[in-house]
Amino acid sequence: MTFSVAARCAETGLFGVAISSSSPAVAARCAHARGGVGAVASQNITDPSLGPTGLDLMEDGLGAAEALERIVATAPFIAYRQLALIDANGKTAGYSGAQTLGLHAIAEGEGVIAAGNLLAATDVPRAMVEAFGGAAGSFGSRLLASLAAGLEAGGEAGPVHSAGLYVVRKGVSWPIADLRIDWAGDAPIARLIDLWQLYEPMLEDYVTRARDPSRAPSYGVPGDE
């Protein structure tokens, strides 16, 4: 019911997750990241608490593989979970429990991991990893290119209805991008890409407004002088 990509940008140190599902509001439950620490996709029959747990373990100094090993050893009902982690060094680790739904797979690359369940084909995550590695543009654009490649490779066995992009930066305590299409009758990934294209030029302005409003550009809305 879900396919996702979690990655670290080697140039900027940004972390992010892009994700899509047939279920509503997938990013609200499944996409987790923390600036300077890493990212976690917690999916399949989702336990959202595993995202922050993985991030806490990595912030405490464990690598992705060690953090995943700890979660698998201690989390209840772990057989129902699918997890993808990436740590501050860009190392990755993935897990698909015995109760993971339908066709499922995980693929790992340099600074990127993709995972999916109830897939139309098991090579969907590999297509996503390859697309991320070959994509140009900003980190957010590369994540979305990876997500679109997953859909092109077959995506879920059925239609997807929600999608999300979550990006964090070290030294900023909030996500610099948290964009969601929580329900769409069709084409949520295309709609998310359109939303990103609208938001990306404004991203740094929103960071500036939070940190120093006196330096912020105009808002570009009626009444703003």
N, C-alpha and C. Protein backbone atom coordinates (compact mmCIF):
# COMPACT_ATOMS: atom_id res chain seq x y z
N MET A 1 0.80 -1.21 0.00
CA MET A 1 0.00 0.00 0.00
C MET A 1 0.84 1.27 0.00
N THR A 2 2.19 1.11 -0.05
CA THR A 2 3.06 2.29 0.07
C THR A 2 4.36 2.05 -0.66
N PHE A 3 4.91 3.11 -1.28
CA PHE A 3 6.30 3.09 -1.71
C PHE A 3 6.94 4.43 -1.36
N SER A 4 8.20 4.37 -0.96
CA SER A 4 8.86 5.56 -0.42
C SER A 4 10.34 5.55 -0.74
N VAL A 5 10.93 6.75 -0.63
CA VAL A 5 12.37 6.91 -0.74
C VAL A 5 12.82 7.82 0.39
N ALA A 6 13.91 7.42 1.06
CA ALA A 6 14.54 8.24 2.10
C ALA A 6 15.98 8.46 1.68
N ALA A 7 16.47 9.69 1.85
CA ALA A 7 17.80 9.99 1.32
C ALA A 7 18.48 11.10 2.10
N ARG A 8 19.79 11.21 1.88
CA ARG A 8 20.62 12.30 2.38
C ARG A 8 21.30 12.95 1.19
N CYS A 9 21.31 14.28 1.18
CA CYS A 9 22.02 15.01 0.14
C CYS A 9 23.47 15.16 0.54
N ALA A 10 24.37 14.60 -0.25
CA ALA A 10 25.79 14.65 0.09
C ALA A 10 26.35 16.07 0.06
N GLU A 11 25.75 16.95 -0.74
CA GLU A 11 26.26 18.32 -0.88
C GLU A 11 25.77 19.23 0.24
N THR A 12 24.51 19.10 0.62
CA THR A 12 23.91 20.04 1.58
C THR A 12 23.70 19.45 2.96
N GLY A 13 23.72 18.13 3.09
CA GLY A 13 23.42 17.48 4.35
C GLY A 13 21.94 17.39 4.67
N LEU A 14 21.09 17.79 3.74
CA LEU A 14 19.65 17.67 3.94
C LEU A 14 19.23 16.21 4.01
N PHE A 15 18.19 15.93 4.77
CA PHE A 15 17.55 14.62 4.78
C PHE A 15 16.10 14.78 4.34
N GLY A 16 15.57 13.73 3.72
CA GLY A 16 14.18 13.82 3.33
C GLY A 16 13.57 12.48 3.00
N VAL A 17 12.25 12.48 2.94
CA VAL A 17 11.45 11.33 2.55
C VAL A 17 10.40 11.78 1.56
N ALA A 18 10.23 11.03 0.50
CA ALA A 18 9.10 11.20 -0.42
C ALA A 18 8.34 9.87 -0.44
N ILE A 19 7.02 9.96 -0.41
CA ILE A 19 6.23 8.75 -0.18
C ILE A 19 4.87 8.86 -0.85
N SER A 20 4.31 7.72 -1.26
CA SER A 20 2.98 7.70 -1.84
C SER A 20 2.27 6.41 -1.45
N SER A 21 0.93 6.47 -1.42
CA SER A 21 0.14 5.33 -0.97
C SER A 21 -1.28 5.41 -1.50
N SER A 22 -1.94 4.26 -1.48
CA SER A 22 -3.38 4.22 -1.75
C SER A 22 -4.18 4.70 -0.55
N SER A 23 -3.57 4.74 0.62
CA SER A 23 -4.22 5.20 1.84
C SER A 23 -4.16 6.73 1.94
N PRO A 24 -5.09 7.35 2.66
CA PRO A 24 -5.04 8.80 2.81
C PRO A 24 -3.93 9.24 3.75
N ALA A 25 -3.44 10.47 3.54
CA ALA A 25 -2.52 11.15 4.46
C ALA A 25 -1.31 10.32 4.83
N VAL A 26 -0.69 9.68 3.85
CA VAL A 26 0.40 8.76 4.14
C VAL A 26 1.59 9.44 4.81
N ALA A 27 1.93 10.66 4.38
CA ALA A 27 3.12 11.30 4.93
C ALA A 27 2.97 11.64 6.40
N ALA A 28 1.73 11.89 6.84
CA ALA A 28 1.50 12.23 8.24
C ALA A 28 1.90 11.09 9.17
N ARG A 29 1.81 9.87 8.70
CA ARG A 29 2.09 8.71 9.54
C ARG A 29 3.46 8.08 9.28
N CYS A 30 3.96 8.23 8.08
CA CYS A 30 5.07 7.36 7.64
C CYS A 30 6.39 8.07 7.40
N ALA A 31 6.40 9.38 7.21
CA ALA A 31 7.63 10.10 6.85
C ALA A 31 8.20 10.81 8.07
N HIS A 32 9.45 10.48 8.41
CA HIS A 32 10.09 11.04 9.59
C HIS A 32 11.53 11.41 9.26
N ALA A 33 11.98 12.57 9.72
CA ALA A 33 13.37 12.99 9.50
C ALA A 33 13.73 14.04 10.54
N ARG A 34 15.01 14.15 10.82
CA ARG A 34 15.51 15.10 11.80
C ARG A 34 16.83 15.67 11.29
N GLY A 35 16.93 17.00 11.27
CA GLY A 35 18.11 17.65 10.73
C GLY A 35 19.39 17.19 11.40
N GLY A 36 20.39 16.84 10.61
CA GLY A 36 21.68 16.40 11.12
C GLY A 36 21.70 15.00 11.68
N VAL A 37 20.55 14.32 11.66
CA VAL A 37 20.44 12.99 12.28
C VAL A 37 20.15 11.90 11.26
N GLY A 38 19.07 12.04 10.50
CA GLY A 38 18.73 11.01 9.54
C GLY A 38 17.27 11.07 9.16
N ALA A 39 16.80 10.00 8.55
CA ALA A 39 15.41 9.88 8.11
C ALA A 39 14.96 8.44 8.26
N VAL A 40 13.65 8.28 8.48
CA VAL A 40 13.04 6.97 8.63
C VAL A 40 11.71 6.96 7.90
N ALA A 41 11.47 5.95 7.09
CA ALA A 41 10.13 5.67 6.58
C ALA A 41 9.62 4.46 7.33
N SER A 42 8.48 4.63 8.02
CA SER A 42 7.85 3.56 8.78
C SER A 42 6.51 3.26 8.13
N GLN A 43 6.39 2.10 7.49
CA GLN A 43 5.23 1.86 6.63
C GLN A 43 4.73 0.43 6.72
N ASN A 44 3.95 0.02 5.74
CA ASN A 44 3.18 -1.22 5.69
C ASN A 44 2.01 -1.08 6.67
N ILE A 45 1.84 -1.94 7.64
CA ILE A 45 0.83 -1.72 8.68
C ILE A 45 1.53 -0.84 9.72
N THR A 46 1.29 0.46 9.61
CA THR A 46 2.23 1.45 10.14
C THR A 46 2.13 1.63 11.65
N ASP A 47 3.30 1.69 12.28
CA ASP A 47 3.43 2.18 13.65
C ASP A 47 4.22 3.49 13.57
N PRO A 48 3.55 4.65 13.58
CA PRO A 48 4.26 5.91 13.44
C PRO A 48 5.32 6.15 14.51
N SER A 49 5.18 5.53 15.68
CA SER A 49 6.16 5.76 16.74
C SER A 49 7.54 5.24 16.39
N LEU A 50 7.64 4.32 15.43
CA LEU A 50 8.94 3.77 15.08
C LEU A 50 9.83 4.78 14.37
N GLY A 51 9.22 5.79 13.73
CA GLY A 51 10.03 6.84 13.11
C GLY A 51 10.82 7.62 14.13
N PRO A 52 10.16 8.26 15.10
CA PRO A 52 10.90 8.96 16.14
C PRO A 52 11.84 8.05 16.95
N THR A 53 11.43 6.80 17.16
CA THR A 53 12.33 5.87 17.87
C THR A 53 13.63 5.69 17.11
N GLY A 54 13.53 5.45 15.81
CA GLY A 54 14.73 5.30 15.00
C GLY A 54 15.58 6.55 15.00
N LEU A 55 14.96 7.72 14.92
CA LEU A 55 15.71 8.98 14.92
C LEU A 55 16.39 9.20 16.27
N ASP A 56 15.70 8.88 17.35
CA ASP A 56 16.33 9.01 18.68
C ASP A 56 17.56 8.11 18.79
N LEU A 57 17.44 6.89 18.32
CA LEU A 57 18.57 5.96 18.40
C LEU A 57 19.75 6.47 17.58
N MET A 58 19.48 7.00 16.41
CA MET A 58 20.57 7.52 15.57
C MET A 58 21.14 8.79 16.16
N GLU A 59 20.29 9.62 16.76
CA GLU A 59 20.81 10.83 17.41
C GLU A 59 21.69 10.47 18.61
N ASP A 60 21.42 9.34 19.24
CA ASP A 60 22.24 8.87 20.36
C ASP A 60 23.54 8.23 19.90
N GLY A 61 23.75 8.12 18.58
CA GLY A 61 25.03 7.64 18.08
C GLY A 61 25.01 6.33 17.34
N LEU A 62 23.88 5.65 17.29
CA LEU A 62 23.81 4.40 16.55
C LEU A 62 23.73 4.69 15.06
N GLY A 63 24.36 3.83 14.27
CA GLY A 63 24.18 3.90 12.82
C GLY A 63 22.84 3.32 12.43
N ALA A 64 22.50 3.46 11.16
CA ALA A 64 21.20 2.99 10.68
C ALA A 64 21.00 1.50 10.95
N ALA A 65 22.02 0.69 10.66
CA ALA A 65 21.89 -0.76 10.85
C ALA A 65 21.72 -1.11 12.32
N GLU A 66 22.48 -0.44 13.19
CA GLU A 66 22.36 -0.72 14.63
C GLU A 66 21.00 -0.27 15.17
N ALA A 67 20.55 0.89 14.72
CA ALA A 67 19.24 1.38 15.16
C ALA A 67 18.13 0.44 14.72
N LEU A 68 18.22 -0.04 13.48
CA LEU A 68 17.22 -0.97 13.00
C LEU A 68 17.25 -2.27 13.79
N GLU A 69 18.43 -2.76 14.07
CA GLU A 69 18.55 -3.99 14.85
C GLU A 69 17.90 -3.83 16.22
N ARG A 70 18.08 -2.67 16.84
CA ARG A 70 17.47 -2.41 18.14
C ARG A 70 15.95 -2.39 18.05
N ILE A 71 15.43 -1.73 17.00
CA ILE A 71 13.98 -1.66 16.83
C ILE A 71 13.40 -3.05 16.61
N VAL A 72 14.02 -3.82 15.73
CA VAL A 72 13.51 -5.16 15.42
C VAL A 72 13.51 -6.04 16.66
N ALA A 73 14.48 -5.84 17.52
CA ALA A 73 14.59 -6.67 18.72
C ALA A 73 13.59 -6.28 19.81
N THR A 74 13.08 -5.06 19.78
CA THR A 74 12.29 -4.58 20.91
C THR A 74 10.86 -4.15 20.57
N ALA A 75 10.57 -3.82 19.32
CA ALA A 75 9.25 -3.27 18.99
C ALA A 75 8.20 -4.38 18.93
N PRO A 76 7.02 -4.15 19.49
CA PRO A 76 5.96 -5.15 19.38
C PRO A 76 5.41 -5.23 17.96
N PHE A 77 4.94 -6.40 17.58
CA PHE A 77 4.31 -6.62 16.28
C PHE A 77 5.22 -6.24 15.11
N ILE A 78 6.53 -6.42 15.29
CA ILE A 78 7.48 -5.98 14.27
C ILE A 78 7.29 -6.74 12.96
N ALA A 79 6.72 -7.92 12.99
CA ALA A 79 6.50 -8.68 11.77
C ALA A 79 5.57 -7.98 10.79
N TYR A 80 4.80 -7.00 11.28
CA TYR A 80 3.85 -6.28 10.44
C TYR A 80 4.43 -4.99 9.86
N ARG A 81 5.68 -4.68 10.20
CA ARG A 81 6.25 -3.38 9.83
C ARG A 81 7.26 -3.49 8.68
N GLN A 82 7.35 -2.41 7.92
CA GLN A 82 8.42 -2.24 6.94
C GLN A 82 9.11 -0.92 7.25
N LEU A 83 10.43 -0.95 7.33
CA LEU A 83 11.20 0.21 7.76
C LEU A 83 12.35 0.48 6.80
N ALA A 84 12.64 1.76 6.60
CA ALA A 84 13.81 2.18 5.84
C ALA A 84 14.48 3.33 6.58
N LEU A 85 15.76 3.18 6.92
CA LEU A 85 16.49 4.17 7.70
C LEU A 85 17.72 4.64 6.94
N ILE A 86 18.07 5.91 7.14
CA ILE A 86 19.34 6.44 6.66
C ILE A 86 19.91 7.33 7.75
N ASP A 87 21.21 7.20 8.02
CA ASP A 87 21.80 7.91 9.14
C ASP A 87 22.63 9.11 8.69
N ALA A 88 23.27 9.78 9.65
CA ALA A 88 23.99 11.01 9.37
C ALA A 88 25.16 10.83 8.41
N ASN A 89 25.66 9.63 8.29
CA ASN A 89 26.74 9.33 7.36
C ASN A 89 26.25 8.83 6.01
N GLY A 90 24.94 8.80 5.83
CA GLY A 90 24.38 8.31 4.57
C GLY A 90 24.29 6.80 4.48
N LYS A 91 24.53 6.10 5.58
CA LYS A 91 24.40 4.65 5.59
C LYS A 91 22.93 4.27 5.74
N THR A 92 22.54 3.15 5.15
CA THR A 92 21.14 2.78 5.10
C THR A 92 20.90 1.40 5.68
N ALA A 93 19.64 1.16 6.06
CA ALA A 93 19.23 -0.17 6.53
C ALA A 93 17.73 -0.29 6.33
N GLY A 94 17.30 -1.48 5.92
CA GLY A 94 15.88 -1.71 5.68
C GLY A 94 15.40 -3.03 6.24
N TYR A 95 14.09 -3.11 6.50
CA TYR A 95 13.49 -4.29 7.09
C TYR A 95 12.08 -4.46 6.56
N SER A 96 11.74 -5.68 6.18
CA SER A 96 10.37 -6.04 5.82
C SER A 96 9.99 -7.25 6.67
N GLY A 97 9.02 -7.08 7.57
CA GLY A 97 8.59 -8.16 8.42
C GLY A 97 7.86 -9.25 7.66
N ALA A 98 7.69 -10.38 8.31
CA ALA A 98 7.08 -11.54 7.67
C ALA A 98 5.64 -11.28 7.25
N GLN A 99 4.98 -10.32 7.87
CA GLN A 99 3.59 -10.00 7.54
C GLN A 99 3.48 -8.79 6.59
N THR A 100 4.58 -8.41 5.95
CA THR A 100 4.51 -7.31 4.98
C THR A 100 3.60 -7.71 3.83
N LEU A 101 2.78 -6.79 3.40
CA LEU A 101 1.70 -7.08 2.47
C LEU A 101 2.19 -7.24 1.02
N GLY A 102 1.63 -8.24 0.34
CA GLY A 102 1.80 -8.39 -1.10
C GLY A 102 3.25 -8.49 -1.55
N LEU A 103 3.49 -8.11 -2.81
CA LEU A 103 4.86 -8.01 -3.30
C LEU A 103 5.54 -6.87 -2.59
N HIS A 104 6.73 -7.11 -2.07
CA HIS A 104 7.44 -6.05 -1.36
C HIS A 104 8.93 -6.17 -1.64
N ALA A 105 9.63 -5.05 -1.50
CA ALA A 105 11.06 -5.03 -1.78
C ALA A 105 11.68 -3.79 -1.17
N ILE A 106 13.00 -3.86 -0.99
CA ILE A 106 13.81 -2.74 -0.52
C ILE A 106 15.05 -2.67 -1.40
N ALA A 107 15.46 -1.46 -1.78
CA ALA A 107 16.68 -1.26 -2.56
C ALA A 107 17.49 -0.15 -1.91
N GLU A 108 18.81 -0.31 -1.91
CA GLU A 108 19.70 0.66 -1.28
C GLU A 108 20.75 1.13 -2.26
N GLY A 109 21.12 2.40 -2.14
CA GLY A 109 22.17 2.98 -2.96
C GLY A 109 23.01 3.93 -2.13
N GLU A 110 23.83 4.71 -2.78
CA GLU A 110 24.70 5.66 -2.09
C GLU A 110 23.86 6.80 -1.54
N GLY A 111 23.64 6.81 -0.23
CA GLY A 111 22.88 7.87 0.40
C GLY A 111 21.40 7.82 0.13
N VAL A 112 20.85 6.66 -0.21
CA VAL A 112 19.43 6.57 -0.53
C VAL A 112 18.93 5.15 -0.29
N ILE A 113 17.68 5.03 0.16
CA ILE A 113 17.03 3.74 0.32
C ILE A 113 15.57 3.90 -0.08
N ALA A 114 15.04 2.92 -0.79
CA ALA A 114 13.65 2.92 -1.21
C ALA A 114 13.00 1.61 -0.79
N ALA A 115 11.73 1.67 -0.44
CA ALA A 115 11.02 0.49 0.04
C ALA A 115 9.57 0.56 -0.41
N GLY A 116 8.97 -0.61 -0.58
CA GLY A 116 7.56 -0.63 -0.95
C GLY A 116 6.90 -1.95 -0.62
N ASN A 117 5.59 -1.91 -0.49
CA ASN A 117 4.79 -3.09 -0.24
C ASN A 117 3.50 -3.01 -1.06
N LEU A 118 2.85 -4.13 -1.25
CA LEU A 118 1.71 -4.23 -2.16
C LEU A 118 2.05 -3.62 -3.52
N LEU A 119 3.25 -3.93 -3.97
CA LEU A 119 3.76 -3.35 -5.21
C LEU A 119 3.23 -4.08 -6.44
N ALA A 120 3.23 -3.37 -7.56
CA ALA A 120 2.91 -4.00 -8.83
C ALA A 120 4.07 -4.87 -9.32
N ALA A 121 5.30 -4.53 -8.90
CA ALA A 121 6.49 -5.28 -9.31
C ALA A 121 7.58 -5.06 -8.27
N THR A 122 8.40 -6.06 -8.05
CA THR A 122 9.42 -5.96 -7.00
C THR A 122 10.58 -5.06 -7.39
N ASP A 123 10.69 -4.65 -8.66
CA ASP A 123 11.80 -3.79 -9.05
C ASP A 123 11.47 -2.30 -8.90
N VAL A 124 10.32 -1.97 -8.31
CA VAL A 124 9.96 -0.57 -8.11
C VAL A 124 10.98 0.16 -7.23
N PRO A 125 11.38 -0.36 -6.06
CA PRO A 125 12.37 0.36 -5.27
C PRO A 125 13.71 0.54 -5.98
N ARG A 126 14.14 -0.45 -6.73
CA ARG A 126 15.39 -0.31 -7.47
C ARG A 126 15.30 0.82 -8.49
N ALA A 127 14.17 0.93 -9.17
CA ALA A 127 13.98 2.03 -10.12
C ALA A 127 14.03 3.37 -9.41
N MET A 128 13.52 3.43 -8.20
CA MET A 128 13.53 4.67 -7.44
C MET A 128 14.94 5.06 -7.03
N VAL A 129 15.73 4.10 -6.57
CA VAL A 129 17.11 4.38 -6.19
C VAL A 129 17.91 4.87 -7.40
N GLU A 130 17.73 4.21 -8.52
CA GLU A 130 18.46 4.62 -9.72
C GLU A 130 18.04 6.00 -10.18
N ALA A 131 16.77 6.32 -10.08
CA ALA A 131 16.28 7.63 -10.50
C ALA A 131 16.82 8.73 -9.59
N PHE A 132 16.87 8.46 -8.29
CA PHE A 132 17.43 9.46 -7.38
C PHE A 132 18.89 9.74 -7.72
N GLY A 133 19.65 8.69 -7.97
CA GLY A 133 21.06 8.86 -8.28
C GLY A 133 21.30 9.60 -9.58
N GLY A 134 20.38 9.45 -10.53
CA GLY A 134 20.56 10.06 -11.84
C GLY A 134 19.86 11.39 -12.02
N ALA A 135 19.09 11.84 -11.03
CA ALA A 135 18.29 13.05 -11.19
C ALA A 135 19.14 14.30 -10.99
N ALA A 136 18.75 15.36 -11.66
CA ALA A 136 19.38 16.66 -11.51
C ALA A 136 18.47 17.56 -10.68
N GLY A 137 19.01 18.72 -10.29
CA GLY A 137 18.20 19.69 -9.59
C GLY A 137 18.38 19.63 -8.09
N SER A 138 17.48 20.28 -7.37
CA SER A 138 17.56 20.36 -5.92
C SER A 138 17.27 19.01 -5.28
N PHE A 139 17.57 18.93 -3.99
CA PHE A 139 17.34 17.69 -3.26
C PHE A 139 15.87 17.30 -3.29
N GLY A 140 14.98 18.25 -3.04
CA GLY A 140 13.56 17.95 -3.09
C GLY A 140 13.12 17.48 -4.45
N SER A 141 13.65 18.09 -5.49
CA SER A 141 13.31 17.67 -6.86
C SER A 141 13.79 16.27 -7.14
N ARG A 142 14.96 15.91 -6.62
CA ARG A 142 15.49 14.57 -6.83
C ARG A 142 14.65 13.53 -6.11
N LEU A 143 14.20 13.85 -4.89
CA LEU A 143 13.31 12.94 -4.18
C LEU A 143 12.02 12.70 -4.96
N LEU A 144 11.47 13.77 -5.52
CA LEU A 144 10.22 13.64 -6.27
C LEU A 144 10.44 12.93 -7.60
N ALA A 145 11.61 13.11 -8.21
CA ALA A 145 11.92 12.35 -9.43
C ALA A 145 11.98 10.86 -9.10
N SER A 146 12.51 10.53 -7.94
CA SER A 146 12.56 9.13 -7.51
C SER A 146 11.16 8.58 -7.30
N LEU A 147 10.31 9.37 -6.66
CA LEU A 147 8.93 8.92 -6.41
C LEU A 147 8.18 8.71 -7.73
N ALA A 148 8.37 9.64 -8.66
CA ALA A 148 7.72 9.51 -9.97
C ALA A 148 8.22 8.29 -10.72
N ALA A 149 9.52 7.99 -10.56
CA ALA A 149 10.07 6.80 -11.21
C ALA A 149 9.48 5.52 -10.63
N GLY A 150 9.20 5.54 -9.33
CA GLY A 150 8.54 4.39 -8.72
C GLY A 150 7.16 4.16 -9.31
N LEU A 151 6.43 5.23 -9.52
CA LEU A 151 5.11 5.11 -10.14
C LEU A 151 5.24 4.61 -11.57
N GLU A 152 6.21 5.14 -12.30
CA GLU A 152 6.41 4.73 -13.69
C GLU A 152 6.80 3.25 -13.79
N ALA A 153 7.50 2.75 -12.78
CA ALA A 153 7.90 1.34 -12.77
C ALA A 153 6.78 0.40 -12.35
N GLY A 154 5.64 0.96 -12.01
CA GLY A 154 4.49 0.14 -11.62
C GLY A 154 3.82 0.58 -10.36
N GLY A 155 4.61 1.17 -9.44
CA GLY A 155 4.04 1.67 -8.20
C GLY A 155 3.32 0.58 -7.42
N GLU A 156 2.23 0.97 -6.79
CA GLU A 156 1.39 0.00 -6.10
C GLU A 156 0.62 -0.86 -7.09
N ALA A 157 0.12 -1.96 -6.57
CA ALA A 157 -0.71 -2.83 -7.41
C ALA A 157 -2.00 -2.12 -7.83
N GLY A 158 -2.49 -1.21 -7.00
CA GLY A 158 -3.67 -0.42 -7.32
C GLY A 158 -3.32 1.06 -7.37
N PRO A 159 -4.30 1.92 -7.60
CA PRO A 159 -4.03 3.35 -7.72
C PRO A 159 -3.63 3.97 -6.38
N VAL A 160 -2.76 4.98 -6.44
CA VAL A 160 -2.37 5.72 -5.25
C VAL A 160 -3.24 6.97 -5.14
N HIS A 161 -3.43 7.43 -3.90
CA HIS A 161 -4.30 8.57 -3.65
C HIS A 161 -3.66 9.65 -2.78
N SER A 162 -2.52 9.38 -2.17
CA SER A 162 -1.87 10.41 -1.37
C SER A 162 -0.36 10.36 -1.60
N ALA A 163 0.29 11.49 -1.31
CA ALA A 163 1.74 11.58 -1.49
C ALA A 163 2.26 12.70 -0.61
N GLY A 164 3.53 12.62 -0.24
CA GLY A 164 4.11 13.66 0.60
C GLY A 164 5.60 13.79 0.41
N LEU A 165 6.10 14.98 0.75
CA LEU A 165 7.52 15.30 0.71
C LEU A 165 7.88 15.97 2.03
N TYR A 166 8.91 15.43 2.71
CA TYR A 166 9.32 15.94 4.01
C TYR A 166 10.84 16.11 3.98
N VAL A 167 11.31 17.34 4.19
CA VAL A 167 12.74 17.66 4.08
C VAL A 167 13.16 18.47 5.30
N VAL A 168 14.31 18.11 5.88
CA VAL A 168 14.82 18.80 7.07
C VAL A 168 16.26 19.24 6.84
N ARG A 169 16.65 20.24 7.64
CA ARG A 169 17.99 20.81 7.55
C ARG A 169 18.59 20.93 8.95
N LYS A 170 19.86 20.63 9.09
CA LYS A 170 20.55 20.79 10.36
C LYS A 170 20.51 22.25 10.79
N GLY A 171 20.22 22.47 12.06
CA GLY A 171 20.17 23.81 12.59
C GLY A 171 18.82 24.49 12.46
N VAL A 172 17.88 23.83 11.80
CA VAL A 172 16.51 24.33 11.68
C VAL A 172 15.61 23.30 12.36
N SER A 173 14.85 23.72 13.35
CA SER A 173 14.13 22.76 14.18
C SER A 173 12.79 22.33 13.61
N TRP A 174 12.43 22.87 12.45
CA TRP A 174 11.18 22.48 11.80
C TRP A 174 11.51 21.98 10.39
N PRO A 175 10.62 21.24 9.77
CA PRO A 175 10.88 20.82 8.39
C PRO A 175 10.87 22.01 7.45
N ILE A 176 11.86 22.12 6.61
CA ILE A 176 11.87 23.23 5.65
C ILE A 176 10.91 22.97 4.50
N ALA A 177 10.50 21.73 4.33
CA ALA A 177 9.42 21.38 3.40
C ALA A 177 8.61 20.25 4.01
N ASP A 178 7.31 20.45 4.09
CA ASP A 178 6.39 19.42 4.59
C ASP A 178 5.13 19.55 3.74
N LEU A 179 5.18 18.98 2.55
CA LEU A 179 4.13 19.15 1.55
C LEU A 179 3.36 17.85 1.40
N ARG A 180 2.04 17.95 1.35
CA ARG A 180 1.21 16.74 1.32
C ARG A 180 0.03 16.89 0.38
N ILE A 181 -0.21 15.86 -0.36
CA ILE A 181 -1.49 15.65 -1.03
C ILE A 181 -2.15 14.52 -0.25
N ASP A 182 -3.05 14.86 0.63
CA ASP A 182 -3.57 13.86 1.56
C ASP A 182 -4.65 12.97 0.95
N TRP A 183 -5.32 13.44 -0.09
CA TRP A 183 -6.25 12.59 -0.83
C TRP A 183 -6.53 13.22 -2.18
N ALA A 184 -6.36 12.43 -3.22
CA ALA A 184 -6.68 12.86 -4.58
C ALA A 184 -7.25 11.68 -5.32
N GLY A 185 -8.27 11.94 -6.12
CA GLY A 185 -8.86 10.86 -6.89
C GLY A 185 -7.89 10.25 -7.87
N ASP A 186 -6.98 11.09 -8.37
CA ASP A 186 -5.96 10.58 -9.28
C ASP A 186 -4.73 11.50 -9.21
N ALA A 187 -3.63 10.99 -9.63
CA ALA A 187 -2.38 11.73 -9.83
C ALA A 187 -1.89 12.53 -8.62
N PRO A 188 -1.85 11.93 -7.41
CA PRO A 188 -1.34 12.70 -6.28
C PRO A 188 0.14 13.04 -6.40
N ILE A 189 0.92 12.19 -7.06
CA ILE A 189 2.35 12.49 -7.21
C ILE A 189 2.54 13.66 -8.14
N ALA A 190 1.82 13.71 -9.24
CA ALA A 190 1.91 14.86 -10.15
C ALA A 190 1.48 16.14 -9.44
N ARG A 191 0.46 16.05 -8.61
CA ARG A 191 0.00 17.23 -7.87
C ARG A 191 1.04 17.66 -6.84
N LEU A 192 1.71 16.70 -6.23
CA LEU A 192 2.77 17.03 -5.28
C LEU A 192 3.93 17.71 -5.99
N ILE A 193 4.29 17.24 -7.16
CA ILE A 193 5.36 17.88 -7.92
C ILE A 193 4.97 19.31 -8.27
N ASP A 194 3.73 19.54 -8.67
CA ASP A 194 3.27 20.90 -8.94
C ASP A 194 3.36 21.77 -7.69
N LEU A 195 2.98 21.21 -6.55
CA LEU A 195 3.04 21.96 -5.30
C LEU A 195 4.48 22.30 -4.94
N TRP A 196 5.39 21.36 -5.14
CA TRP A 196 6.80 21.62 -4.88
C TRP A 196 7.33 22.73 -5.79
N GLN A 197 6.95 22.72 -7.03
CA GLN A 197 7.41 23.76 -7.95
C GLN A 197 6.91 25.14 -7.55
N LEU A 198 5.72 25.19 -6.92
CA LEU A 198 5.22 26.45 -6.38
C LEU A 198 5.98 26.85 -5.12
N TYR A 199 6.25 25.87 -4.25
CA TYR A 199 6.82 26.16 -2.94
C TYR A 199 8.33 26.38 -2.96
N GLU A 200 9.03 25.66 -3.80
CA GLU A 200 10.50 25.69 -3.74
C GLU A 200 11.06 27.11 -3.84
N PRO A 201 10.60 27.98 -4.74
CA PRO A 201 11.17 29.32 -4.80
C PRO A 201 10.94 30.15 -3.54
N MET A 202 9.98 29.76 -2.72
CA MET A 202 9.66 30.50 -1.50
C MET A 202 10.33 29.91 -0.26
N LEU A 203 10.95 28.75 -0.39
CA LEU A 203 11.41 27.99 0.78
C LEU A 203 12.34 28.82 1.65
N GLU A 204 13.37 29.42 1.08
CA GLU A 204 14.34 30.17 1.88
C GLU A 204 13.71 31.42 2.48
N ASP A 205 12.73 32.00 1.80
CA ASP A 205 12.03 33.16 2.36
C ASP A 205 11.33 32.80 3.66
N TYR A 206 10.71 31.61 3.71
CA TYR A 206 10.03 31.19 4.93
C TYR A 206 11.02 30.94 6.06
N VAL A 207 12.19 30.41 5.73
CA VAL A 207 13.22 30.22 6.76
C VAL A 207 13.68 31.58 7.29
N THR A 208 13.90 32.54 6.39
CA THR A 208 14.33 33.88 6.79
C THR A 208 13.28 34.55 7.66
N ARG A 209 12.00 34.42 7.31
CA ARG A 209 10.94 35.04 8.09
C ARG A 209 10.89 34.50 9.51
N ALA A 210 11.22 33.22 9.66
CA ALA A 210 11.23 32.63 10.99
C ALA A 210 12.43 33.11 11.80
N ARG A 211 13.56 33.24 11.15
CA ARG A 211 14.79 33.56 11.88
C ARG A 211 14.98 35.06 12.09
N ASP A 212 14.63 35.86 11.08
CA ASP A 212 14.83 37.31 11.17
C ASP A 212 13.82 38.01 10.28
N PRO A 213 12.63 38.29 10.81
CA PRO A 213 11.60 38.91 9.98
C PRO A 213 12.00 40.25 9.40
N SER A 214 12.95 40.95 10.05
CA SER A 214 13.37 42.26 9.54
C SER A 214 14.06 42.15 8.19
N ARG A 215 14.57 40.97 7.88
CA ARG A 215 15.25 40.76 6.60
C ARG A 215 14.36 40.05 5.59
N ALA A 216 13.12 39.78 5.96
CA ALA A 216 12.26 38.98 5.11
C ALA A 216 11.79 39.78 3.90
N PRO A 217 11.68 39.13 2.75
CA PRO A 217 11.12 39.80 1.57
C PRO A 217 9.63 40.03 1.75
N SER A 218 9.06 40.82 0.85
CA SER A 218 7.63 41.08 0.91
C SER A 218 6.86 39.77 0.71
N TYR A 219 5.64 39.76 1.17
CA TYR A 219 4.84 38.54 1.13
C TYR A 219 4.13 38.35 -0.20
N GLY A 220 3.99 39.41 -0.96
CA GLY A 220 3.37 39.29 -2.27
C GLY A 220 1.88 39.00 -2.21
N VAL A 221 1.22 39.52 -1.16
CA VAL A 221 -0.21 39.33 -1.02
C VAL A 221 -0.88 40.70 -0.93
N PRO A 222 -2.16 40.78 -1.24
CA PRO A 222 -2.86 42.07 -1.14
C PRO A 222 -2.74 42.68 0.25
N GLY A 223 -2.39 43.99 0.29
CA GLY A 223 -2.22 44.68 1.56
C GLY A 223 -0.79 44.72 2.03
N ASP A 224 0.09 43.92 1.43
CA ASP A 224 1.51 43.92 1.80
C ASP A 224 2.20 45.07 1.09
N GLU A 225 2.78 45.98 1.84
CA GLU A 225 3.42 47.16 1.25
C GLU A 225 4.92 47.16 1.54
